[in-house]
N, C-alpha and C. Protein backbone atom coordinates (compact mmCIF):
# COMPACT_ATOMS: atom_id res chain seq x y z
N MET A 1 194.66 -92.23 72.15
CA MET A 1 194.03 -91.13 72.81
C MET A 1 193.60 -90.03 71.87
N THR A 2 194.35 -89.80 70.85
CA THR A 2 193.99 -88.74 69.93
C THR A 2 192.73 -89.07 69.16
N GLU A 3 192.44 -90.35 68.97
CA GLU A 3 191.26 -90.73 68.22
C GLU A 3 189.97 -90.47 69.00
N GLU A 4 190.00 -90.66 70.27
CA GLU A 4 188.80 -90.49 71.07
C GLU A 4 188.28 -89.05 71.06
N PRO A 5 189.08 -88.03 71.28
CA PRO A 5 188.54 -86.67 71.20
C PRO A 5 188.06 -86.31 69.81
N GLU A 6 188.75 -86.84 68.74
CA GLU A 6 188.29 -86.53 67.40
C GLU A 6 186.91 -87.13 67.15
N SER A 7 186.71 -88.34 67.55
CA SER A 7 185.41 -88.96 67.32
C SER A 7 184.36 -88.32 68.22
N LEU A 8 184.74 -87.88 69.43
CA LEU A 8 183.80 -87.18 70.30
C LEU A 8 183.40 -85.85 69.66
N ILE A 9 184.37 -85.16 69.13
CA ILE A 9 184.08 -83.88 68.46
C ILE A 9 183.23 -84.11 67.22
N LEU A 10 183.58 -85.14 66.45
CA LEU A 10 182.78 -85.45 65.25
C LEU A 10 181.36 -85.82 65.64
N GLU A 11 181.23 -86.60 66.71
CA GLU A 11 179.89 -86.98 67.16
C GLU A 11 179.10 -85.75 67.60
N LEU A 12 179.73 -84.85 68.33
CA LEU A 12 179.06 -83.62 68.76
C LEU A 12 178.67 -82.75 67.56
N LEU A 13 179.56 -82.67 66.59
CA LEU A 13 179.27 -81.91 65.38
C LEU A 13 178.09 -82.51 64.62
N ARG A 14 178.05 -83.83 64.55
CA ARG A 14 176.94 -84.50 63.87
C ARG A 14 175.62 -84.24 64.60
N GLN A 15 175.66 -84.29 65.93
CA GLN A 15 174.46 -84.00 66.71
C GLN A 15 174.01 -82.55 66.50
N MET A 16 175.00 -81.65 66.48
CA MET A 16 174.68 -80.24 66.25
C MET A 16 174.08 -80.04 64.87
N ARG A 17 174.61 -80.75 63.88
CA ARG A 17 174.08 -80.64 62.52
C ARG A 17 172.64 -81.15 62.46
N ALA A 18 172.37 -82.26 63.14
CA ALA A 18 171.02 -82.81 63.16
C ALA A 18 170.07 -81.84 63.86
N GLU A 19 170.50 -81.26 64.99
CA GLU A 19 169.65 -80.31 65.71
C GLU A 19 169.43 -79.05 64.87
N LEU A 20 170.46 -78.63 64.16
CA LEU A 20 170.33 -77.46 63.30
C LEU A 20 169.33 -77.73 62.19
N GLY A 21 169.37 -78.94 61.65
CA GLY A 21 168.38 -79.31 60.63
C GLY A 21 166.97 -79.28 61.19
N ASP A 22 166.80 -79.77 62.44
CA ASP A 22 165.49 -79.73 63.09
C ASP A 22 165.02 -78.28 63.28
N VAL A 23 165.95 -77.43 63.70
CA VAL A 23 165.61 -76.03 63.90
C VAL A 23 165.21 -75.39 62.58
N ARG A 24 165.95 -75.68 61.52
CA ARG A 24 165.61 -75.13 60.20
C ARG A 24 164.23 -75.61 59.75
N SER A 25 163.94 -76.88 60.00
CA SER A 25 162.64 -77.41 59.61
C SER A 25 161.53 -76.76 60.43
N ASP A 26 161.79 -76.52 61.73
CA ASP A 26 160.79 -75.84 62.57
C ASP A 26 160.55 -74.41 62.08
N ILE A 27 161.61 -73.73 61.70
CA ILE A 27 161.49 -72.36 61.19
C ILE A 27 160.71 -72.35 59.89
N SER A 28 160.99 -73.30 59.03
CA SER A 28 160.25 -73.39 57.77
C SER A 28 158.76 -73.63 58.02
N GLN A 29 158.47 -74.50 58.99
CA GLN A 29 157.07 -74.78 59.33
C GLN A 29 156.40 -73.53 59.89
N LEU A 30 157.11 -72.80 60.74
CA LEU A 30 156.56 -71.56 61.30
C LEU A 30 156.28 -70.54 60.20
N ARG A 31 157.18 -70.43 59.26
CA ARG A 31 156.98 -69.50 58.15
C ARG A 31 155.76 -69.90 57.33
N ALA A 32 155.60 -71.20 57.12
CA ALA A 32 154.46 -71.68 56.33
C ALA A 32 153.15 -71.44 57.07
N ASP A 33 153.19 -71.58 58.40
CA ASP A 33 151.97 -71.43 59.19
C ASP A 33 151.62 -69.98 59.49
N SER A 34 152.59 -69.10 59.50
CA SER A 34 152.32 -67.72 59.89
C SER A 34 151.67 -66.94 58.75
N ALA A 35 150.92 -65.91 59.14
CA ALA A 35 150.22 -65.09 58.15
C ALA A 35 151.22 -64.17 57.46
N THR A 36 151.00 -63.99 56.19
CA THR A 36 151.86 -63.08 55.43
C THR A 36 151.30 -61.66 55.50
N LYS A 37 152.07 -60.73 55.03
CA LYS A 37 151.61 -59.33 55.03
C LYS A 37 150.35 -59.17 54.19
N SER A 38 150.28 -59.88 53.09
CA SER A 38 149.08 -59.77 52.24
C SER A 38 147.87 -60.36 52.95
N ASP A 39 148.08 -61.46 53.70
CA ASP A 39 146.97 -62.02 54.48
C ASP A 39 146.47 -61.02 55.52
N LEU A 40 147.42 -60.38 56.20
CA LEU A 40 147.04 -59.40 57.21
C LEU A 40 146.36 -58.19 56.60
N SER A 41 146.82 -57.75 55.44
CA SER A 41 146.18 -56.60 54.81
C SER A 41 144.78 -56.96 54.33
N MET A 42 144.59 -58.19 53.87
CA MET A 42 143.25 -58.62 53.47
C MET A 42 142.33 -58.68 54.69
N LEU A 43 142.85 -59.18 55.80
CA LEU A 43 142.07 -59.23 57.03
C LEU A 43 141.72 -57.82 57.49
N HIS A 44 142.68 -56.93 57.40
CA HIS A 44 142.45 -55.52 57.77
C HIS A 44 141.36 -54.92 56.89
N ALA A 45 141.41 -55.20 55.60
CA ALA A 45 140.39 -54.68 54.68
C ALA A 45 139.01 -55.25 55.02
N ASP A 46 138.96 -56.53 55.37
CA ASP A 46 137.67 -57.15 55.74
C ASP A 46 137.10 -56.52 57.00
N VAL A 47 137.95 -56.30 57.99
CA VAL A 47 137.49 -55.69 59.24
C VAL A 47 137.02 -54.26 58.97
N ALA A 48 137.76 -53.52 58.17
CA ALA A 48 137.37 -52.15 57.85
C ALA A 48 136.03 -52.12 57.12
N ALA A 49 135.83 -53.06 56.20
CA ALA A 49 134.56 -53.12 55.47
C ALA A 49 133.41 -53.46 56.43
N ASP A 50 133.65 -54.36 57.38
CA ASP A 50 132.61 -54.70 58.36
C ASP A 50 132.27 -53.50 59.23
N ILE A 51 133.28 -52.75 59.64
CA ILE A 51 133.04 -51.56 60.47
C ILE A 51 132.23 -50.53 59.69
N LEU A 52 132.57 -50.31 58.44
CA LEU A 52 131.81 -49.35 57.63
C LEU A 52 130.37 -49.81 57.43
N SER A 53 130.19 -51.10 57.22
CA SER A 53 128.84 -51.64 57.06
C SER A 53 128.03 -51.46 58.33
N ASN A 54 128.63 -51.76 59.47
CA ASN A 54 127.93 -51.58 60.75
C ASN A 54 127.62 -50.12 61.01
N ARG A 55 128.54 -49.23 60.65
CA ARG A 55 128.32 -47.80 60.85
C ARG A 55 127.15 -47.32 59.98
N LYS A 56 127.07 -47.82 58.74
CA LYS A 56 125.99 -47.44 57.84
C LYS A 56 124.65 -47.94 58.38
N GLU A 57 124.61 -49.20 58.85
CA GLU A 57 123.38 -49.74 59.41
C GLU A 57 122.94 -48.95 60.65
N LEU A 58 123.89 -48.60 61.48
CA LEU A 58 123.58 -47.83 62.68
C LEU A 58 123.05 -46.45 62.32
N SER A 59 123.65 -45.82 61.33
CA SER A 59 123.17 -44.51 60.88
C SER A 59 121.75 -44.60 60.36
N GLU A 60 121.45 -45.66 59.60
CA GLU A 60 120.09 -45.84 59.09
C GLU A 60 119.10 -46.06 60.23
N GLN A 61 119.51 -46.79 61.24
CA GLN A 61 118.63 -47.02 62.40
C GLN A 61 118.39 -45.72 63.15
N ILE A 62 119.42 -44.90 63.28
CA ILE A 62 119.27 -43.61 63.97
C ILE A 62 118.32 -42.71 63.20
N VAL A 63 118.45 -42.69 61.88
CA VAL A 63 117.55 -41.87 61.05
C VAL A 63 116.11 -42.35 61.22
N GLY A 64 115.90 -43.67 61.22
CA GLY A 64 114.56 -44.21 61.41
C GLY A 64 114.01 -43.86 62.78
N LEU A 65 114.84 -43.91 63.80
CA LEU A 65 114.40 -43.56 65.15
C LEU A 65 114.03 -42.09 65.23
N ARG A 66 114.84 -41.23 64.62
CA ARG A 66 114.51 -39.79 64.62
C ARG A 66 113.17 -39.55 63.94
N ARG A 67 112.97 -40.21 62.80
CA ARG A 67 111.72 -40.05 62.07
C ARG A 67 110.53 -40.49 62.93
N ALA A 68 110.67 -41.61 63.62
CA ALA A 68 109.59 -42.12 64.48
C ALA A 68 109.30 -41.15 65.61
N VAL A 69 110.34 -40.57 66.20
CA VAL A 69 110.15 -39.62 67.30
C VAL A 69 109.44 -38.37 66.80
N VAL A 70 109.84 -37.88 65.63
CA VAL A 70 109.19 -36.67 65.08
C VAL A 70 107.72 -36.96 64.78
N GLU A 71 107.44 -38.13 64.19
CA GLU A 71 106.04 -38.48 63.90
C GLU A 71 105.22 -38.60 65.18
N TYR A 72 105.80 -39.22 66.20
CA TYR A 72 105.09 -39.36 67.47
C TYR A 72 104.84 -37.99 68.10
N HIS A 73 105.86 -37.17 68.08
CA HIS A 73 105.73 -35.82 68.66
C HIS A 73 104.66 -35.02 67.94
N THR A 74 104.65 -35.11 66.63
CA THR A 74 103.65 -34.41 65.84
C THR A 74 102.25 -34.92 66.17
N SER A 75 102.13 -36.22 66.30
CA SER A 75 100.83 -36.82 66.63
C SER A 75 100.37 -36.37 68.02
N VAL A 76 101.27 -36.37 68.98
CA VAL A 76 100.90 -35.97 70.34
C VAL A 76 100.49 -34.50 70.38
N ILE A 77 101.23 -33.66 69.68
CA ILE A 77 100.87 -32.24 69.63
C ILE A 77 99.51 -32.08 68.98
N GLY A 78 99.28 -32.84 67.92
CA GLY A 78 97.99 -32.77 67.24
C GLY A 78 96.85 -33.17 68.16
N HIS A 79 97.04 -34.24 68.93
CA HIS A 79 96.01 -34.65 69.87
C HIS A 79 95.81 -33.60 70.96
N GLY A 80 96.92 -32.99 71.39
CA GLY A 80 96.82 -31.94 72.41
C GLY A 80 96.00 -30.76 71.92
N ILE A 81 96.17 -30.39 70.67
CA ILE A 81 95.41 -29.27 70.10
C ILE A 81 93.93 -29.65 70.02
N LEU A 82 93.66 -30.88 69.58
CA LEU A 82 92.26 -31.32 69.50
C LEU A 82 91.60 -31.32 70.87
N ILE A 83 92.32 -31.80 71.90
CA ILE A 83 91.76 -31.82 73.26
C ILE A 83 91.53 -30.40 73.75
N SER A 84 92.46 -29.50 73.49
CA SER A 84 92.30 -28.10 73.92
C SER A 84 91.08 -27.47 73.26
N GLU A 85 90.91 -27.74 71.97
CA GLU A 85 89.74 -27.20 71.27
C GLU A 85 88.45 -27.77 71.84
N LEU A 86 88.47 -29.08 72.15
CA LEU A 86 87.29 -29.72 72.73
C LEU A 86 86.97 -29.14 74.11
N GLU A 87 88.00 -28.92 74.92
CA GLU A 87 87.76 -28.31 76.24
C GLU A 87 87.17 -26.91 76.09
N ALA A 88 87.64 -26.14 75.13
CA ALA A 88 87.10 -24.79 74.92
C ALA A 88 85.63 -24.86 74.51
N ARG A 89 85.30 -25.81 73.66
CA ARG A 89 83.90 -25.95 73.24
C ARG A 89 83.01 -26.36 74.42
N VAL A 90 83.52 -27.28 75.26
CA VAL A 90 82.74 -27.71 76.43
C VAL A 90 82.53 -26.52 77.36
N ARG A 91 83.54 -25.69 77.59
CA ARG A 91 83.36 -24.48 78.44
C ARG A 91 82.30 -23.56 77.87
N ARG A 92 82.32 -23.36 76.54
CA ARG A 92 81.32 -22.48 75.93
C ARG A 92 79.91 -23.06 76.10
N VAL A 93 79.79 -24.40 75.94
CA VAL A 93 78.49 -25.04 76.13
C VAL A 93 78.05 -24.88 77.58
N GLU A 94 78.98 -25.10 78.52
CA GLU A 94 78.65 -24.94 79.94
C GLU A 94 78.17 -23.51 80.23
N GLN A 95 78.88 -22.53 79.68
CA GLN A 95 78.50 -21.13 79.90
C GLN A 95 77.14 -20.84 79.26
N HIS A 96 76.94 -21.36 78.08
CA HIS A 96 75.69 -21.10 77.37
C HIS A 96 74.49 -21.70 78.13
N LEU A 97 74.70 -22.89 78.72
CA LEU A 97 73.61 -23.56 79.43
C LEU A 97 73.60 -23.22 80.93
N ASN A 98 74.49 -22.34 81.33
CA ASN A 98 74.63 -21.95 82.75
C ASN A 98 74.84 -23.17 83.65
N LEU A 99 75.73 -24.07 83.20
CA LEU A 99 76.08 -25.25 83.99
C LEU A 99 77.33 -24.98 84.82
N PRO A 100 77.40 -25.58 86.00
CA PRO A 100 78.64 -25.39 86.78
C PRO A 100 79.80 -26.15 86.10
N SER A 101 80.95 -25.61 86.18
CA SER A 101 82.13 -26.23 85.57
C SER A 101 82.59 -27.41 86.38
N LEU A 102 83.06 -28.45 85.73
CA LEU A 102 83.60 -29.62 86.42
C LEU A 102 84.97 -29.35 86.98
N ASN A 103 85.68 -28.40 86.39
CA ASN A 103 87.01 -28.03 86.85
C ASN A 103 86.88 -26.89 87.87
N PRO A 104 87.16 -27.15 89.15
CA PRO A 104 87.05 -26.07 90.13
C PRO A 104 88.26 -25.14 90.04
N SER A 105 88.22 -24.21 89.15
CA SER A 105 89.37 -23.32 88.99
C SER A 105 89.06 -21.91 89.42
C-alpha cells in the first residue's frame, strides 16, 4: 500500500513538471513574439514623423488655398472696378446724347 501513493505522487509530480515545462515554453514563445520597448519606441517615432509630415502638408495646402482666395478676391474687385467705370462712362454718354437711361432709377 505504501508504494501506490508514492508512485501516484511521483506520477503527479512528473505530470506537473511536464506541464510546467510547457508553460515555460509558452512564456518564452510569448516573449519572443511580443514587441520590445525599443520596437514600441521606434513605432512611436514613426507615427510621430508621419503626423508631422501630414501637418506640414496640410499647412502647405492651407497656405495655397489662402493665396488662391486672395488672388480671386483681388481679381473680382478689379473686375468690379472696371464694370463701375464702364457704367459711369455709359451714363455720361447717355447724358451727352440725351438718351433715356436703361436703368429706371
